[in-house]
């Protein structure tokens, strides 16, 4: 889980750096700057929301998890104690995501279990 968080953080840091560098380009139009600023704000919002969701899921009795939000999709990797997640556990995880993510539907959530 730590390796997954580290990889996610590295990837996001690189994306944020690229957006910041692009914003410094004097040749950009106002519309392009606005779009890059919106993309930057969305990335920062996703980072904050992922952390919030991980905390929320762990508070529902799971040992650890990693949430990755990409556009209108959510991928959740959760540590399980049993062989497989029960239907009630899947529902708890999905409900946590749906309560916090605007525009996300249950079909857009992928949950992977890891022992």
PDB file of N, CA and C in Angstrom:
ATOM      1  N   UNK A   1       0.821  -1.193   0.000  1.00  0.00           N
ATOM      2  CA  UNK A   1       0.000   0.000   0.000  1.00  0.00           C
ATOM      3  C   UNK A   1       0.873   1.268   0.000  1.00  0.00           C
ATOM      4  N   UNK A   2       1.944   1.218   0.740  1.00  0.00           N
ATOM      5  CA  UNK A   2       2.840   2.381   0.752  1.00  0.00           C
ATOM      6  C   UNK A   2       3.473   2.591  -0.623  1.00  0.00           C
ATOM      7  N   UNK A   3       3.845   1.483  -1.283  1.00  0.00           N
ATOM      8  CA  UNK A   3       4.429   1.592  -2.625  1.00  0.00           C
ATOM      9  C   UNK A   3       3.417   2.183  -3.609  1.00  0.00           C
ATOM     10  N   UNK A   4       2.165   1.771  -3.486  1.00  0.00           N
ATOM     11  CA  UNK A   4       1.116   2.309  -4.365  1.00  0.00           C
ATOM     12  C   UNK A   4       0.912   3.795  -4.103  1.00  0.00           C
ATOM     13  N   UNK A   5       0.908   4.188  -2.831  1.00  0.00           N
ATOM     14  CA  UNK A   5       0.765   5.615  -2.504  1.00  0.00           C
ATOM     15  C   UNK A   5       1.949   6.418  -3.039  1.00  0.00           C
ATOM     16  N   UNK A   6       3.143   5.862  -2.902  1.00  0.00           N
ATOM     17  CA  UNK A   6       4.338   6.551  -3.375  1.00  0.00           C
ATOM     18  C   UNK A   6       4.304   6.726  -4.895  1.00  0.00           C
ATOM     19  N   UNK A   7       3.925   5.673  -5.614  1.00  0.00           N
ATOM     20  CA  UNK A   7       3.827   5.754  -7.075  1.00  0.00           C
ATOM     21  C   UNK A   7       2.772   6.767  -7.493  1.00  0.00           C
ATOM     22  N   UNK A   8       1.630   6.759  -6.793  1.00  0.00           N
ATOM     23  CA  UNK A   8       0.560   7.711  -7.107  1.00  0.00           C
ATOM     24  C   UNK A   8       1.042   9.138  -6.855  1.00  0.00           C
ATOM     25  N   UNK A   9       1.715   9.346  -5.738  1.00  0.00           N
ATOM     26  CA  UNK A   9       2.207  10.673  -5.388  1.00  0.00           C
ATOM     27  C   UNK A   9       3.230  11.162  -6.408  1.00  0.00           C
ATOM     28  N   UNK A  10       4.138  10.283  -6.817  1.00  0.00           N
ATOM     29  CA  UNK A  10       5.151  10.662  -7.799  1.00  0.00           C
ATOM     30  C   UNK A  10       4.490  11.052  -9.120  1.00  0.00           C
ATOM     31  N   UNK A  11       3.539  10.251  -9.557  1.00  0.00           N
ATOM     32  CA  UNK A  11       2.832  10.529 -10.805  1.00  0.00           C
ATOM     33  C   UNK A  11       2.091  11.860 -10.733  1.00  0.00           C
ATOM     34  N   UNK A  12       1.411  12.083  -9.625  1.00  0.00           N
ATOM     35  CA  UNK A  12       0.659  13.335  -9.461  1.00  0.00           C
ATOM     36  C   UNK A  12       1.588  14.538  -9.370  1.00  0.00           C
ATOM     37  N   UNK A  13       2.714  14.393  -8.660  1.00  0.00           N
ATOM     38  CA  UNK A  13       3.669  15.494  -8.556  1.00  0.00           C
ATOM     39  C   UNK A  13       4.196  15.882  -9.933  1.00  0.00           C
ATOM     40  N   UNK A  14       4.478  14.882 -10.756  1.00  0.00           N
ATOM     41  CA  UNK A  14       4.964  15.161 -12.111  1.00  0.00           C
ATOM     42  C   UNK A  14       3.897  15.877 -12.931  1.00  0.00           C
ATOM     43  N   UNK A  15       2.652  15.448 -12.795  1.00  0.00           N
ATOM     44  CA  UNK A  15       1.562  16.102 -13.527  1.00  0.00           C
ATOM     45  C   UNK A  15       1.369  17.537 -13.053  1.00  0.00           C
ATOM     46  N   UNK A  16       1.433  17.755 -11.746  1.00  0.00           N
ATOM     47  CA  UNK A  16       1.285  19.106 -11.205  1.00  0.00           C
ATOM     48  C   UNK A  16       2.425  20.009 -11.663  1.00  0.00           C
ATOM     49  N   UNK A  17       3.636  19.479 -11.650  1.00  0.00           N
ATOM     50  CA  UNK A  17       4.783  20.266 -12.121  1.00  0.00           C
ATOM     51  C   UNK A  17       4.619  20.655 -13.583  1.00  0.00           C
ATOM     52  N   UNK A  18       4.166  19.714 -14.405  1.00  0.00           N
ATOM     53  CA  UNK A  18       3.956  20.009 -15.826  1.00  0.00           C
ATOM     54  C   UNK A  18       2.906  21.100 -16.005  1.00  0.00           C
ATOM     55  N   UNK A  19       1.824  21.025 -15.236  1.00  0.00           N
ATOM     56  CA  UNK A  19       0.785  22.056 -15.334  1.00  0.00           C
ATOM     57  C   UNK A  19       1.326  23.418 -14.892  1.00  0.00           C
ATOM     58  N   UNK A  20       2.082  23.434 -13.798  1.00  0.00           N
ATOM     59  CA  UNK A  20       2.643  24.696 -13.301  1.00  0.00           C
ATOM     60  C   UNK A  20       3.606  25.311 -14.324  1.00  0.00           C
ATOM     61  N   UNK A  21       4.447  24.471 -14.929  1.00  0.00           N
ATOM     62  CA  UNK A  21       5.376  24.971 -15.938  1.00  0.00           C
ATOM     63  C   UNK A  21       4.623  25.517 -17.142  1.00  0.00           C
ATOM     64  N   UNK A  22       3.571  24.834 -17.548  1.00  0.00           N
ATOM     65  CA  UNK A  22       2.775  25.289 -18.687  1.00  0.00           C
ATOM     66  C   UNK A  22       2.129  26.636 -18.395  1.00  0.00           C
ATOM     67  N   UNK A  23       1.703  26.837 -17.152  1.00  0.00           N
ATOM     68  CA  UNK A  23       1.068  28.103 -16.794  1.00  0.00           C
ATOM     69  C   UNK A  23       2.029  29.282 -16.892  1.00  0.00           C
ATOM     70  N   UNK A  24       3.318  29.029 -16.760  1.00  0.00           N
ATOM     71  CA  UNK A  24       4.317  30.101 -16.811  1.00  0.00           C
ATOM     72  C   UNK A  24       4.649  30.524 -18.245  1.00  0.00           C
ATOM     73  N   UNK A  25       4.136  29.794 -19.210  1.00  0.00           N
ATOM     74  CA  UNK A  25       4.393  30.107 -20.619  1.00  0.00           C
ATOM     75  C   UNK A  25       3.688  31.412 -20.992  1.00  0.00           C
ATOM     76  N   UNK A  26       4.459  32.403 -21.353  1.00  0.00           N
ATOM     77  CA  UNK A  26       3.909  33.726 -21.678  1.00  0.00           C
ATOM     78  C   UNK A  26       3.087  33.726 -22.960  1.00  0.00           C
ATOM     79  N   UNK A  27       3.237  32.706 -23.785  1.00  0.00           N
ATOM     80  CA  UNK A  27       2.555  32.660 -25.069  1.00  0.00           C
ATOM     81  C   UNK A  27       1.129  32.116 -24.973  1.00  0.00           C
ATOM     82  N   UNK A  28       0.715  31.709 -23.791  1.00  0.00           N
ATOM     83  CA  UNK A  28      -0.624  31.124 -23.633  1.00  0.00           C
ATOM     84  C   UNK A  28      -1.710  32.182 -23.724  1.00  0.00           C
ATOM     85  N   UNK A  29      -2.811  31.807 -24.326  1.00  0.00           N
ATOM     86  CA  UNK A  29      -3.967  32.710 -24.358  1.00  0.00           C
ATOM     87  C   UNK A  29      -4.655  32.657 -22.998  1.00  0.00           C
ATOM     88  N   UNK A  30      -5.556  33.591 -22.760  1.00  0.00           N
ATOM     89  CA  UNK A  30      -6.291  33.600 -21.502  1.00  0.00           C
ATOM     90  C   UNK A  30      -7.123  32.328 -21.340  1.00  0.00           C
ATOM     91  N   UNK A  31      -7.699  31.848 -22.445  1.00  0.00           N
ATOM     92  CA  UNK A  31      -8.508  30.622 -22.400  1.00  0.00           C
ATOM     93  C   UNK A  31      -7.641  29.418 -22.035  1.00  0.00           C
ATOM     94  N   UNK A  32      -6.435  29.356 -22.586  1.00  0.00           N
ATOM     95  CA  UNK A  32      -5.526  28.251 -22.275  1.00  0.00           C
ATOM     96  C   UNK A  32      -5.085  28.302 -20.813  1.00  0.00           C
ATOM     97  N   UNK A  33      -4.803  29.517 -20.323  1.00  0.00           N
ATOM     98  CA  UNK A  33      -4.427  29.672 -18.911  1.00  0.00           C
ATOM     99  C   UNK A  33      -5.570  29.264 -17.992  1.00  0.00           C
ATOM    100  N   UNK A  34      -6.785  29.647 -18.383  1.00  0.00           N
ATOM    101  CA  UNK A  34      -7.953  29.286 -17.579  1.00  0.00           C
ATOM    102  C   UNK A  34      -8.106  27.767 -17.519  1.00  0.00           C
ATOM    103  N   UNK A  35      -7.953  27.102 -18.658  1.00  0.00           N
ATOM    104  CA  UNK A  35      -8.082  25.643 -18.721  1.00  0.00           C
ATOM    105  C   UNK A  35      -7.011  24.966 -17.861  1.00  0.00           C
ATOM    106  N   UNK A  36      -5.775  25.434 -17.957  1.00  0.00           N
ATOM    107  CA  UNK A  36      -4.691  24.857 -17.155  1.00  0.00           C
ATOM    108  C   UNK A  36      -4.921  25.086 -15.665  1.00  0.00           C
ATOM    109  N   UNK A  37      -5.430  26.261 -15.316  1.00  0.00           N
ATOM    110  CA  UNK A  37      -5.733  26.554 -13.916  1.00  0.00           C
ATOM    111  C   UNK A  37      -6.837  25.631 -13.401  1.00  0.00           C
ATOM    112  N   UNK A  38      -7.843  25.385 -14.225  1.00  0.00           N
ATOM    113  CA  UNK A  38      -8.919  24.459 -13.841  1.00  0.00           C
ATOM    114  C   UNK A  38      -8.387  23.039 -13.675  1.00  0.00           C
ATOM    115  N   UNK A  39      -7.500  22.616 -14.584  1.00  0.00           N
ATOM    116  CA  UNK A  39      -6.896  21.287 -14.482  1.00  0.00           C
ATOM    117  C   UNK A  39      -6.071  21.156 -13.206  1.00  0.00           C
ATOM    118  N   UNK A  40      -5.319  22.203 -12.886  1.00  0.00           N
ATOM    119  CA  UNK A  40      -4.504  22.207 -11.674  1.00  0.00           C
ATOM    120  C   UNK A  40      -5.383  22.119 -10.431  1.00  0.00           C
ATOM    121  N   UNK A  41      -6.455  22.898 -10.411  1.00  0.00           N
ATOM    122  CA  UNK A  41      -7.383  22.869  -9.278  1.00  0.00           C
ATOM    123  C   UNK A  41      -8.038  21.496  -9.134  1.00  0.00           C
ATOM    124  N   UNK A  42      -8.376  20.869 -10.259  1.00  0.00           N
ATOM    125  CA  UNK A  42      -8.988  19.538 -10.224  1.00  0.00           C
ATOM    126  C   UNK A  42      -8.008  18.504  -9.673  1.00  0.00           C
ATOM    127  N   UNK A  43      -6.750  18.585 -10.080  1.00  0.00           N
ATOM    128  CA  UNK A  43      -5.728  17.657  -9.574  1.00  0.00           C
ATOM    129  C   UNK A  43      -5.572  17.807  -8.066  1.00  0.00           C
ATOM    130  N   UNK A  44      -5.473  19.037  -7.602  1.00  0.00           N
ATOM    131  CA  UNK A  44      -5.325  19.288  -6.167  1.00  0.00           C
ATOM    132  C   UNK A  44      -6.562  18.799  -5.413  1.00  0.00           C
ATOM    133  N   UNK A  45      -7.735  19.042  -5.976  1.00  0.00           N
ATOM    134  CA  UNK A  45      -8.976  18.567  -5.358  1.00  0.00           C
ATOM    135  C   UNK A  45      -9.016  17.050  -5.262  1.00  0.00           C
ATOM    136  N   UNK A  46      -8.565  16.359  -6.314  1.00  0.00           N
ATOM    137  CA  UNK A  46      -8.531  14.896  -6.302  1.00  0.00           C
ATOM    138  C   UNK A  46      -7.586  14.370  -5.228  1.00  0.00           C
ATOM    139  N   UNK A  47      -6.429  15.001  -5.091  1.00  0.00           N
ATOM    140  CA  UNK A  47      -5.458  14.569  -4.085  1.00  0.00           C
ATOM    141  C   UNK A  47      -6.074  14.674  -2.692  1.00  0.00           C
ATOM    142  N   UNK A  48      -6.719  15.785  -2.421  1.00  0.00           N
ATOM    143  CA  UNK A  48      -7.359  15.998  -1.124  1.00  0.00           C
ATOM    144  C   UNK A  48      -8.488  15.004  -0.902  1.00  0.00           C
ATOM    145  N   UNK A  49      -9.301  14.796  -1.926  1.00  0.00           N
ATOM    146  CA  UNK A  49     -10.436  13.882  -1.818  1.00  0.00           C
ATOM    147  C   UNK A  49      -9.981  12.436  -1.642  1.00  0.00           C
ATOM    148  N   UNK A  50      -8.925  12.034  -2.333  1.00  0.00           N
ATOM    149  CA  UNK A  50      -8.415  10.669  -2.179  1.00  0.00           C
ATOM    150  C   UNK A  50      -8.003  10.396  -0.731  1.00  0.00           C
ATOM    151  N   UNK A  51      -7.311  11.349  -0.138  1.00  0.00           N
ATOM    152  CA  UNK A  51      -6.887  11.196   1.256  1.00  0.00           C
ATOM    153  C   UNK A  51      -8.098  11.111   2.179  1.00  0.00           C
ATOM    154  N   UNK A  52      -9.072  11.954   1.939  1.00  0.00           N
ATOM    155  CA  UNK A  52     -10.300  11.955   2.746  1.00  0.00           C
ATOM    156  C   UNK A  52     -11.030  10.613   2.617  1.00  0.00           C
ATOM    157  N   UNK A  53     -11.128  10.108   1.396  1.00  0.00           N
ATOM    158  CA  UNK A  53     -11.812   8.830   1.159  1.00  0.00           C
ATOM    159  C   UNK A  53     -11.072   7.669   1.812  1.00  0.00           C
ATOM    160  N   UNK A  54      -9.749   7.683   1.736  1.00  0.00           N
ATOM    161  CA  UNK A  54      -8.970   6.618   2.377  1.00  0.00           C
ATOM    162  C   UNK A  54      -9.212   6.602   3.883  1.00  0.00           C
ATOM    163  N   UNK A  55      -9.229   7.772   4.479  1.00  0.00           N
ATOM    164  CA  UNK A  55      -9.501   7.869   5.913  1.00  0.00           C
ATOM    165  C   UNK A  55     -10.909   7.378   6.229  1.00  0.00           C
ATOM    166  N   UNK A  56     -11.872   7.762   5.414  1.00  0.00           N
ATOM    167  CA  UNK A  56     -13.263   7.359   5.614  1.00  0.00           C
ATOM    168  C   UNK A  56     -13.422   5.842   5.493  1.00  0.00           C
ATOM    169  N   UNK A  57     -12.812   5.249   4.490  1.00  0.00           N
ATOM    170  CA  UNK A  57     -12.917   3.799   4.298  1.00  0.00           C
ATOM    171  C   UNK A  57     -12.256   3.057   5.456  1.00  0.00           C
ATOM    172  N   UNK A  58     -11.095   3.532   5.884  1.00  0.00           N
ATOM    173  CA  UNK A  58     -10.420   2.889   7.019  1.00  0.00           C
ATOM    174  C   UNK A  58     -11.261   3.005   8.289  1.00  0.00           C
ATOM    175  N   UNK A  59     -11.993   4.094   8.421  1.00  0.00           N
ATOM    176  CA  UNK A  59     -12.842   4.272   9.609  1.00  0.00           C
ATOM    177  C   UNK A  59     -14.021   3.301   9.613  1.00  0.00           C
ATOM    178  N   UNK A  60     -14.283   2.686   8.471  1.00  0.00           N
ATOM    179  CA  UNK A  60     -15.376   1.716   8.364  1.00  0.00           C
ATOM    180  C   UNK A  60     -14.891   0.297   8.649  1.00  0.00           C
ATOM    181  N   UNK A  61     -13.675   0.166   9.188  1.00  0.00           N
ATOM    182  CA  UNK A  61     -13.194  -1.124   9.645  1.00  0.00           C
ATOM    183  C   UNK A  61     -12.186  -1.821   8.764  1.00  0.00           C
ATOM    184  N   UNK A  62     -11.665  -1.153   7.741  1.00  0.00           N
ATOM    185  CA  UNK A  62     -10.674  -1.765   6.867  1.00  0.00           C
ATOM    186  C   UNK A  62      -9.281  -1.356   7.324  1.00  0.00           C
ATOM    187  N   UNK A  63      -8.351  -2.319   7.276  1.00  0.00           N
ATOM    188  CA  UNK A  63      -7.000  -2.072   7.777  1.00  0.00           C
ATOM    189  C   UNK A  63      -6.271  -1.005   6.967  1.00  0.00           C
ATOM    190  N   UNK A  64      -6.394  -1.058   5.649  1.00  0.00           N
ATOM    191  CA  UNK A  64      -5.719  -0.085   4.799  1.00  0.00           C
ATOM    192  C   UNK A  64      -6.390  -0.065   3.438  1.00  0.00           C
ATOM    193  N   UNK A  65      -6.182   1.025   2.724  1.00  0.00           N
ATOM    194  CA  UNK A  65      -6.720   1.136   1.367  1.00  0.00           C
ATOM    195  C   UNK A  65      -6.006   2.249   0.622  1.00  0.00           C
ATOM    196  N   UNK A  66      -6.129   2.198  -0.697  1.00  0.00           N
ATOM    197  CA  UNK A  66      -5.623   3.254  -1.571  1.00  0.00           C
ATOM    198  C   UNK A  66      -6.742   3.584  -2.544  1.00  0.00           C
ATOM    199  N   UNK A  67      -7.048   4.869  -2.649  1.00  0.00           N
ATOM    200  CA  UNK A  67      -8.084   5.341  -3.573  1.00  0.00           C
ATOM    201  C   UNK A  67      -7.398   6.139  -4.669  1.00  0.00           C
ATOM    202  N   UNK A  68      -7.764   5.857  -5.910  1.00  0.00           N
ATOM    203  CA  UNK A  68      -7.226   6.580  -7.053  1.00  0.00           C
ATOM    204  C   UNK A  68      -8.397   7.096  -7.878  1.00  0.00           C
ATOM    205  N   UNK A  69      -8.544   8.407  -7.921  1.00  0.00           N
ATOM    206  CA  UNK A  69      -9.621   9.040  -8.694  1.00  0.00           C
ATOM    207  C   UNK A  69      -9.046   9.532 -10.019  1.00  0.00           C
ATOM    208  N   UNK A  70      -9.687   9.131 -11.100  1.00  0.00           N
ATOM    209  CA  UNK A  70      -9.265   9.568 -12.423  1.00  0.00           C
ATOM    210  C   UNK A  70     -10.501   9.910 -13.229  1.00  0.00           C
ATOM    211  N   UNK A  71     -10.732  11.187 -13.416  1.00  0.00           N
ATOM    212  CA  UNK A  71     -11.914  11.629 -14.150  1.00  0.00           C
ATOM    213  C   UNK A  71     -13.177  11.187 -13.440  1.00  0.00           C
ATOM    214  N   UNK A  72     -14.010  10.460 -14.141  1.00  0.00           N
ATOM    215  CA  UNK A  72     -15.273   9.975 -13.576  1.00  0.00           C
ATOM    216  C   UNK A  72     -15.169   8.536 -13.088  1.00  0.00           C
ATOM    217  N   UNK A  73     -13.964   8.092 -12.781  1.00  0.00           N
ATOM    218  CA  UNK A  73     -13.734   6.720 -12.326  1.00  0.00           C
ATOM    219  C   UNK A  73     -13.015   6.734 -10.990  1.00  0.00           C
ATOM    220  N   UNK A  74     -13.279   5.709 -10.192  1.00  0.00           N
ATOM    221  CA  UNK A  74     -12.602   5.543  -8.908  1.00  0.00           C
ATOM    222  C   UNK A  74     -12.125   4.105  -8.784  1.00  0.00           C
ATOM    223  N   UNK A  75     -10.861   3.952  -8.448  1.00  0.00           N
ATOM    224  CA  UNK A  75     -10.290   2.641  -8.204  1.00  0.00           C
ATOM    225  C   UNK A  75      -9.887   2.562  -6.738  1.00  0.00           C
ATOM    226  N   UNK A  76     -10.355   1.526  -6.066  1.00  0.00           N
ATOM    227  CA  UNK A  76     -10.073   1.355  -4.650  1.00  0.00           C
ATOM    228  C   UNK A  76      -9.394   0.005  -4.464  1.00  0.00           C
ATOM    229  N   UNK A  77      -8.248   0.017  -3.820  1.00  0.00           N
ATOM    230  CA  UNK A  77      -7.578  -1.210  -3.429  1.00  0.00           C
ATOM    231  C   UNK A  77      -7.669  -1.265  -1.913  1.00  0.00           C
ATOM    232  N   UNK A  78      -8.241  -2.339  -1.406  1.00  0.00           N
ATOM    233  CA  UNK A  78      -8.488  -2.427   0.032  1.00  0.00           C
ATOM    234  C   UNK A  78      -7.880  -3.707   0.594  1.00  0.00           C
ATOM    235  N   UNK A  79      -7.292  -3.585   1.790  1.00  0.00           N
ATOM    236  CA  UNK A  79      -6.719  -4.737   2.465  1.00  0.00           C
ATOM    237  C   UNK A  79      -7.844  -5.476   3.183  1.00  0.00           C
ATOM    238  N   UNK A  80      -7.909  -6.791   2.933  1.00  0.00           N
ATOM    239  CA  UNK A  80      -8.952  -7.592   3.558  1.00  0.00           C
ATOM    240  C   UNK A  80      -8.338  -8.621   4.491  1.00  0.00           C
ATOM    241  N   UNK A  81      -9.117  -9.006   5.483  1.00  0.00           N
ATOM    242  CA  UNK A  81      -8.684 -10.050   6.406  1.00  0.00           C
ATOM    243  C   UNK A  81      -9.216 -11.401   5.948  1.00  0.00           C
ATOM    244  N   UNK A  82     -10.336 -11.395   5.282  1.00  0.00           N
ATOM    245  CA  UNK A  82     -10.963 -12.631   4.808  1.00  0.00           C
ATOM    246  C   UNK A  82     -10.538 -12.912   3.373  1.00  0.00           C
ATOM    247  N   UNK A  83     -11.039 -13.999   2.828  1.00  0.00           N
ATOM    248  CA  UNK A  83     -10.697 -14.357   1.445  1.00  0.00           C
ATOM    249  C   UNK A  83     -11.281 -13.371   0.439  1.00  0.00           C
ATOM    250  N   UNK A  84     -12.468 -12.900   0.697  1.00  0.00           N
ATOM    251  CA  UNK A  84     -13.118 -11.995  -0.247  1.00  0.00           C
ATOM    252  C   UNK A  84     -13.970 -10.986   0.511  1.00  0.00           C
ATOM    253  N   UNK A  85     -14.182  -9.849  -0.108  1.00  0.00           N
ATOM    254  CA  UNK A  85     -15.064  -8.849   0.490  1.00  0.00           C
ATOM    255  C   UNK A  85     -16.496  -9.352   0.451  1.00  0.00           C
ATOM    256  N   UNK A  86     -17.203  -9.116   1.527  1.00  0.00           N
ATOM    257  CA  UNK A  86     -18.620  -9.479   1.541  1.00  0.00           C
ATOM    258  C   UNK A  86     -19.400  -8.395   0.796  1.00  0.00           C
ATOM    259  N   UNK A  87     -20.630  -8.715   0.455  1.00  0.00           N
ATOM    260  CA  UNK A  87     -21.487  -7.733  -0.228  1.00  0.00           C
ATOM    261  C   UNK A  87     -21.674  -6.496   0.647  1.00  0.00           C
ATOM    262  N   UNK A  88     -21.788  -6.691   1.951  1.00  0.00           N
ATOM    263  CA  UNK A  88     -21.963  -5.560   2.875  1.00  0.00           C
ATOM    264  C   UNK A  88     -20.717  -4.676   2.895  1.00  0.00           C
ATOM    265  N   UNK A  89     -19.528  -5.269   2.829  1.00  0.00           N
ATOM    266  CA  UNK A  89     -18.291  -4.488   2.815  1.00  0.00           C
ATOM    267  C   UNK A  89     -18.162  -3.685   1.524  1.00  0.00           C
ATOM    268  N   UNK A  90     -18.496  -4.310   0.409  1.00  0.00           N
ATOM    269  CA  UNK A  90     -18.466  -3.603  -0.881  1.00  0.00           C
ATOM    270  C   UNK A  90     -19.435  -2.427  -0.846  1.00  0.00           C
ATOM    271  N   UNK A  91     -20.604  -2.640  -0.283  1.00  0.00           N
ATOM    272  CA  UNK A  91     -21.607  -1.582  -0.172  1.00  0.00           C
ATOM    273  C   UNK A  91     -21.093  -0.435   0.689  1.00  0.00           C
ATOM    274  N   UNK A  92     -20.425  -0.746   1.805  1.00  0.00           N
ATOM    275  CA  UNK A  92     -19.872   0.302   2.680  1.00  0.00           C
ATOM    276  C   UNK A  92     -18.840   1.139   1.931  1.00  0.00           C
ATOM    277  N   UNK A  93     -17.985   0.476   1.159  1.00  0.00           N
ATOM    278  CA  UNK A  93     -16.970   1.205   0.400  1.00  0.00           C
ATOM    279  C   UNK A  93     -17.617   2.068  -0.678  1.00  0.00           C
ATOM    280  N   UNK A  94     -18.533   1.489  -1.436  1.00  0.00           N
ATOM    281  CA  UNK A  94     -19.206   2.251  -2.506  1.00  0.00           C
ATOM    282  C   UNK A  94     -19.987   3.434  -1.935  1.00  0.00           C
ATOM    283  N   UNK A  95     -20.689   3.206  -0.823  1.00  0.00           N
ATOM    284  CA  UNK A  95     -21.458   4.293  -0.201  1.00  0.00           C
ATOM    285  C   UNK A  95     -20.541   5.435   0.226  1.00  0.00           C
ATOM    286  N   UNK A  96     -19.364   5.091   0.747  1.00  0.00           N
ATOM    287  CA  UNK A  96     -18.408   6.125   1.161  1.00  0.00           C
ATOM    288  C   UNK A  96     -17.991   6.970  -0.037  1.00  0.00           C
ATOM    289  N   UNK A  97     -17.694   6.324  -1.156  1.00  0.00           N
ATOM    290  CA  UNK A  97     -17.280   7.059  -2.349  1.00  0.00           C
ATOM    291  C   UNK A  97     -18.426   7.885  -2.927  1.00  0.00           C
ATOM    292  N   UNK A  98     -19.592   7.272  -3.022  1.00  0.00           N
ATOM    293  CA  UNK A  98     -20.740   7.974  -3.610  1.00  0.00           C
ATOM    294  C   UNK A  98     -21.155   9.190  -2.783  1.00  0.00           C
ATOM    295  N   UNK A  99     -20.964   9.115  -1.462  1.00  0.00           N
ATOM    296  CA  UNK A  99     -21.343  10.233  -0.602  1.00  0.00           C
ATOM    297  C   UNK A  99     -20.392  11.416  -0.735  1.00  0.00           C
ATOM    298  N   UNK A 100     -19.190  11.177  -1.222  1.00  0.00           N
ATOM    299  CA  UNK A 100     -18.175  12.230  -1.281  1.00  0.00           C
ATOM    300  C   UNK A 100     -17.829  12.695  -2.699  1.00  0.00           C
ATOM    301  N   UNK A 101     -18.159  11.897  -3.700  1.00  0.00           N
ATOM    302  CA  UNK A 101     -17.744  12.190  -5.078  1.00  0.00           C
ATOM    303  C   UNK A 101     -18.938  12.583  -5.937  1.00  0.00           C
ATOM    304  N   UNK A 102     -18.974  13.830  -6.318  1.00  0.00           N
ATOM    305  CA  UNK A 102     -20.037  14.333  -7.176  1.00  0.00           C
ATOM    306  C   UNK A 102     -19.908  13.734  -8.571  1.00  0.00           C
ATOM    307  N   UNK A 103     -21.005  13.264  -9.130  1.00  0.00           N
ATOM    308  CA  UNK A 103     -21.002  12.763 -10.491  1.00  0.00           C
ATOM    309  C   UNK A 103     -20.513  11.335 -10.647  1.00  0.00           C
ATOM    310  N   UNK A 104     -20.113  10.701  -9.572  1.00  0.00           N
ATOM    311  CA  UNK A 104     -19.633   9.320  -9.627  1.00  0.00           C
ATOM    312  C   UNK A 104     -20.819   8.377  -9.462  1.00  0.00           C
ATOM    313  N   UNK A 105     -20.846   7.312 -10.269  1.00  0.00           N
ATOM    314  CA  UNK A 105     -21.903   6.314 -10.114  1.00  0.00           C
ATOM    315  C   UNK A 105     -21.276   4.996  -9.675  1.00  0.00           C
ATOM    316  N   UNK A 106     -22.097   4.109  -9.151  1.00  0.00           N
ATOM    317  CA  UNK A 106     -21.610   2.819  -8.646  1.00  0.00           C
ATOM    318  C   UNK A 106     -20.877   2.037  -9.738  1.00  0.00           C
ATOM    319  N   UNK A 107     -21.307   2.173 -10.983  1.00  0.00           N
ATOM    320  CA  UNK A 107     -20.678   1.453 -12.090  1.00  0.00           C
ATOM    321  C   UNK A 107     -19.266   1.943 -12.375  1.00  0.00           C
ATOM    322  N   UNK A 108     -18.943   3.148 -11.913  1.00  0.00           N
ATOM    323  CA  UNK A 108     -17.634   3.743 -12.160  1.00  0.00           C
ATOM    324  C   UNK A 108     -16.615   3.432 -11.067  1.00  0.00           C
ATOM    325  N   UNK A 109     -17.019   2.616 -10.100  1.00  0.00           N
ATOM    326  CA  UNK A 109     -16.156   2.274  -8.974  1.00  0.00           C
ATOM    327  C   UNK A 109     -15.633   0.854  -9.132  1.00  0.00           C
ATOM    328  N   UNK A 110     -14.319   0.713  -9.092  1.00  0.00           N
ATOM    329  CA  UNK A 110     -13.684  -0.600  -9.129  1.00  0.00           C
ATOM    330  C   UNK A 110     -13.042  -0.846  -7.779  1.00  0.00           C
ATOM    331  N   UNK A 111     -13.352  -1.980  -7.180  1.00  0.00           N
ATOM    332  CA  UNK A 111     -12.790  -2.320  -5.869  1.00  0.00           C
ATOM    333  C   UNK A 111     -11.979  -3.607  -6.019  1.00  0.00           C
ATOM    334  N   UNK A 112     -10.715  -3.521  -5.602  1.00  0.00           N
ATOM    335  CA  UNK A 112      -9.821  -4.674  -5.649  1.00  0.00           C
ATOM    336  C   UNK A 112      -9.414  -4.990  -4.222  1.00  0.00           C
ATOM    337  N   UNK A 113      -9.460  -6.255  -3.891  1.00  0.00           N
ATOM    338  CA  UNK A 113      -9.087  -6.677  -2.541  1.00  0.00           C
ATOM    339  C   UNK A 113      -7.709  -7.306  -2.538  1.00  0.00           C
ATOM    340  N   UNK A 114      -6.955  -7.013  -1.495  1.00  0.00           N
ATOM    341  CA  UNK A 114      -5.613  -7.545  -1.326  1.00  0.00           C
ATOM    342  C   UNK A 114      -5.494  -8.048   0.099  1.00  0.00           C
ATOM    343  N   UNK A 115      -4.923  -9.243   0.245  1.00  0.00           N
ATOM    344  CA  UNK A 115      -4.724  -9.784   1.597  1.00  0.00           C
ATOM    345  C   UNK A 115      -3.497  -9.214   2.243  1.00  0.00           C
TER     346      UNK A 115
END
